[in-house]
Amino acid sequence: MAREKDQEQAVQTAENEATNGGSHESLPPADAQDLSQEAQGGVSRQEYERVNKERDALLDRLARLQAEFENSRKRNAREQADFREYAVADAVKNFLPVLDNFNLALRSQKSEAGDSALRSGIELIRKQLEDVLLRLGVQPIPAQGQTFDPRVHEAIEMVESSDHGDHEVIEELQPGYKLKDRLLRPAMVRVATNPTKK
């Protein structure tokens, strides 16, 4: 209520000065209008433009901060997913020799006339271990009959052979494995060299 009275008095004072040739006559019309707006509780054009610029700067800063936050959140989520995806890699590497030993035990059982119950038990354990590794995302690297690929195969020996293609893997000595796209261990192989098929 008191504020409305103050505003009315300011308007009357401004009108009286304007009609009585007060100090506002020397000002340009836009400035006189700004002063009358201020007198009415309004905001001058300069103040309005300053506040507008400040608002635009704050909105721009807010948009940048939101974009930075979103990028940071996405990067953090991607890093966590990568960590979870490959956290098992070291543990899986420790299980690979166990799987190799099961395979060796089965090969030696073939050459010896051994207990068939023992052989079936070893096969069952090996199969369970392979299933667990497969569920974790571990995949064997194909080798036998494939063309030698230095990214996933490790050549132990080059064997001259006319029965196989040049750079064809003729024997897998130790299987290789990868976890999704990451190489855990290359396959150790024997590779054929065929001078007639080069």
Protein backbone atom coordinates (compact mmCIF):
# COMPACT_ATOMS: atom_id res chain seq x y z
CA MET A 1 0.00 0.00 0.00
CA ALA A 2 2.78 2.41 0.96
CA ARG A 3 4.67 1.37 -2.16
CA GLU A 4 1.72 2.25 -4.39
CA LYS A 5 1.53 5.70 -2.76
CA ASP A 6 5.26 6.22 -3.33
CA GLN A 7 4.88 5.23 -6.97
CA GLU A 8 1.93 7.58 -7.45
CA GLN A 9 3.88 10.45 -5.87
CA ALA A 10 6.89 9.72 -8.09
CA VAL A 11 4.66 9.72 -11.18
CA GLN A 12 3.04 13.00 -10.15
CA THR A 13 6.43 14.56 -9.47
CA ALA A 14 7.70 13.42 -12.86
CA GLU A 15 4.58 14.77 -14.59
CA ASN A 16 4.82 18.10 -12.74
CA GLU A 17 8.47 18.49 -13.68
CA ALA A 18 7.70 17.62 -17.29
CA THR A 19 4.85 20.13 -17.52
CA ASN A 20 6.60 22.84 -15.47
CA GLY A 21 9.77 22.67 -17.55
CA GLY A 22 11.72 20.71 -15.00
CA SER A 23 15.12 19.17 -15.39
CA HIS A 24 13.87 16.44 -17.78
CA GLU A 25 13.34 18.91 -20.65
CA SER A 26 17.03 18.93 -21.48
CA LEU A 27 17.20 15.14 -21.72
CA PRO A 28 16.45 13.33 -24.97
CA PRO A 29 12.95 11.86 -25.10
CA ALA A 30 14.16 8.23 -24.63
CA ASP A 31 16.06 9.13 -21.45
CA ALA A 32 13.11 11.06 -20.12
CA GLN A 33 10.96 7.98 -20.78
CA ASP A 34 13.50 5.79 -18.95
CA LEU A 35 13.42 8.13 -15.98
CA SER A 36 9.65 8.14 -15.91
CA GLN A 37 9.69 4.30 -16.06
CA GLU A 38 12.12 4.26 -13.15
CA ALA A 39 9.90 6.68 -11.31
CA GLN A 40 6.96 4.33 -11.93
CA GLY A 41 8.93 1.38 -10.53
CA GLY A 42 10.04 0.20 -14.00
CA VAL A 43 13.52 -0.51 -15.30
CA SER A 44 15.60 1.67 -17.59
CA ARG A 45 16.53 0.40 -21.05
CA GLN A 46 20.22 0.24 -20.12
CA GLU A 47 19.45 -1.79 -17.01
CA TYR A 48 17.15 -4.03 -19.05
CA GLU A 49 19.85 -4.67 -21.69
CA ARG A 50 22.47 -5.31 -19.00
CA VAL A 51 20.23 -7.84 -17.27
CA ASN A 52 19.40 -9.44 -20.64
CA LYS A 53 23.10 -9.86 -21.47
CA GLU A 54 23.76 -11.26 -18.03
CA ARG A 55 20.86 -13.70 -18.41
CA ASP A 56 22.12 -14.83 -21.84
CA ALA A 57 25.62 -15.35 -20.46
CA LEU A 58 24.24 -17.40 -17.56
CA LEU A 59 22.05 -19.49 -19.88
CA ASP A 60 25.05 -20.13 -22.13
CA ARG A 61 27.16 -21.12 -19.13
CA LEU A 62 24.38 -23.40 -17.87
CA ALA A 63 24.09 -25.09 -21.29
CA ARG A 64 27.86 -25.66 -21.38
CA LEU A 65 27.89 -27.07 -17.84
CA GLN A 66 24.99 -29.38 -18.68
CA ALA A 67 26.80 -30.62 -21.80
CA GLU A 68 30.02 -31.17 -19.81
CA PHE A 69 28.10 -33.04 -17.12
CA GLU A 70 26.34 -35.23 -19.69
CA ASN A 71 29.64 -36.02 -21.44
CA SER A 72 31.26 -36.83 -18.11
CA ARG A 73 28.36 -39.08 -17.13
CA LYS A 74 28.54 -40.96 -20.45
CA ARG A 75 32.32 -41.32 -20.21
CA ASN A 76 32.03 -42.62 -16.65
CA ALA A 77 29.35 -45.14 -17.65
CA ARG A 78 31.49 -46.31 -20.59
CA GLU A 79 34.57 -46.71 -18.36
CA GLN A 80 32.57 -48.68 -15.80
CA ALA A 81 31.16 -50.95 -18.51
CA ASP A 82 34.68 -51.53 -19.89
CA PHE A 83 35.96 -52.28 -16.41
CA ARG A 84 33.16 -54.77 -15.73
CA GLU A 85 33.57 -56.33 -19.16
CA TYR A 86 37.28 -56.96 -18.80
CA ALA A 87 37.59 -57.36 -15.02
CA VAL A 88 37.40 -61.12 -15.41
CA ALA A 89 40.28 -61.24 -17.93
CA ASP A 90 42.99 -61.80 -15.32
CA ALA A 91 40.97 -64.43 -13.47
CA VAL A 92 40.16 -66.24 -16.72
CA LYS A 93 43.86 -66.31 -17.71
CA ASN A 94 44.54 -68.29 -14.52
CA PHE A 95 41.95 -70.92 -15.51
CA LEU A 96 43.32 -71.53 -19.01
CA PRO A 97 46.22 -73.75 -17.83
CA VAL A 98 43.70 -75.87 -15.89
CA LEU A 99 41.74 -76.38 -19.10
CA ASP A 100 44.99 -77.24 -20.91
CA ASN A 101 45.77 -79.88 -18.29
CA PHE A 102 42.35 -81.46 -18.72
CA ASN A 103 42.95 -81.63 -22.47
CA LEU A 104 46.37 -83.23 -21.89
CA ALA A 105 44.85 -85.78 -19.51
CA LEU A 106 42.26 -86.71 -22.12
CA ARG A 107 44.93 -87.10 -24.82
CA SER A 108 47.01 -89.37 -22.60
CA GLN A 109 43.92 -91.45 -21.78
CA LYS A 110 43.41 -92.05 -25.51
CA SER A 111 46.88 -93.48 -25.94
CA GLU A 112 46.64 -95.68 -22.84
CA ALA A 113 44.00 -98.28 -22.19
CA GLY A 114 42.70 -96.57 -19.07
CA ASP A 115 39.57 -96.53 -17.00
CA SER A 116 36.59 -95.31 -19.04
CA ALA A 117 34.89 -93.92 -15.91
CA LEU A 118 37.92 -91.74 -15.19
CA ARG A 119 37.93 -90.51 -18.79
CA SER A 120 34.23 -89.63 -18.73
CA GLY A 121 34.73 -87.77 -15.41
CA ILE A 122 37.57 -85.71 -16.85
CA GLU A 123 35.51 -84.95 -19.97
CA LEU A 124 32.61 -83.81 -17.80
CA ILE A 125 34.81 -81.48 -15.72
CA ARG A 126 36.43 -80.06 -18.86
CA LYS A 127 33.00 -79.47 -20.42
CA GLN A 128 31.78 -77.67 -17.29
CA LEU A 129 34.85 -75.44 -17.26
CA GLU A 130 34.43 -74.64 -20.96
CA ASP A 131 30.75 -73.76 -20.37
CA VAL A 132 31.63 -71.41 -17.50
CA LEU A 133 34.27 -69.67 -19.63
CA LEU A 134 31.83 -69.38 -22.53
CA ARG A 135 29.23 -67.73 -20.25
CA LEU A 136 31.91 -65.22 -19.19
CA GLY A 137 32.45 -64.33 -22.85
CA VAL A 138 35.63 -66.35 -23.44
CA GLN A 139 35.83 -67.78 -26.95
CA PRO A 140 38.40 -70.18 -28.40
CA ILE A 141 40.37 -68.88 -31.38
CA PRO A 142 39.93 -71.08 -34.46
CA ALA A 143 43.30 -72.35 -35.65
CA GLN A 144 43.40 -75.76 -37.35
CA GLY A 145 42.99 -75.33 -41.11
CA GLN A 146 42.88 -71.52 -40.88
CA THR A 147 45.25 -69.14 -42.60
CA PHE A 148 47.95 -67.98 -40.19
CA ASP A 149 46.99 -64.66 -38.57
CA PRO A 150 49.79 -63.10 -36.48
CA ARG A 151 47.23 -61.13 -34.44
CA VAL A 152 45.74 -64.31 -32.92
CA HIS A 153 48.24 -67.10 -33.75
CA GLU A 154 51.77 -67.64 -32.53
CA ALA A 155 53.84 -69.75 -34.94
CA ILE A 156 56.06 -72.23 -33.10
CA GLU A 157 57.29 -74.00 -36.20
CA MET A 158 57.16 -73.63 -39.97
CA VAL A 159 56.75 -77.01 -41.70
CA GLU A 160 57.30 -77.50 -45.43
CA SER A 161 54.30 -79.34 -46.83
CA SER A 162 52.90 -79.86 -50.30
CA ASP A 163 49.57 -81.14 -48.90
CA HIS A 164 48.58 -77.80 -47.35
CA GLY A 165 48.30 -74.24 -48.58
CA ASP A 166 50.99 -71.69 -47.92
CA HIS A 167 50.66 -70.19 -44.40
CA GLU A 168 47.93 -72.66 -43.45
CA VAL A 169 47.80 -73.76 -39.80
CA ILE A 170 48.37 -77.53 -39.86
CA GLU A 171 48.40 -78.20 -36.12
CA GLU A 172 47.28 -76.42 -32.97
CA LEU A 173 49.72 -77.09 -30.12
CA GLN A 174 47.93 -74.94 -27.54
CA PRO A 175 44.52 -73.34 -28.02
CA GLY A 176 44.19 -69.57 -27.96
CA TYR A 177 41.35 -67.64 -26.34
CA LYS A 178 39.88 -64.17 -26.47
CA LEU A 179 37.49 -62.37 -24.15
CA LYS A 180 35.02 -60.59 -26.41
CA ASP A 181 37.47 -58.51 -28.52
CA ARG A 182 40.49 -58.74 -26.20
CA LEU A 183 43.12 -61.40 -26.85
CA LEU A 184 43.81 -63.43 -23.72
CA ARG A 185 46.29 -65.83 -25.25
CA PRO A 186 47.33 -66.50 -28.85
CA ALA A 187 47.01 -70.02 -30.25
CA MET A 188 50.37 -71.77 -30.55
CA VAL A 189 50.47 -73.42 -33.96
CA ARG A 190 52.54 -75.14 -36.61
CA VAL A 191 52.28 -73.43 -39.97
CA ALA A 192 52.79 -74.93 -43.42
CA THR A 193 55.02 -73.44 -46.05
CA ASN A 194 54.31 -74.57 -49.56
CA PRO A 195 56.71 -73.18 -52.16
CA THR A 196 54.54 -74.44 -55.04
CA LYS A 197 51.47 -72.47 -53.88
CA LYS A 198 53.12 -69.10 -53.21
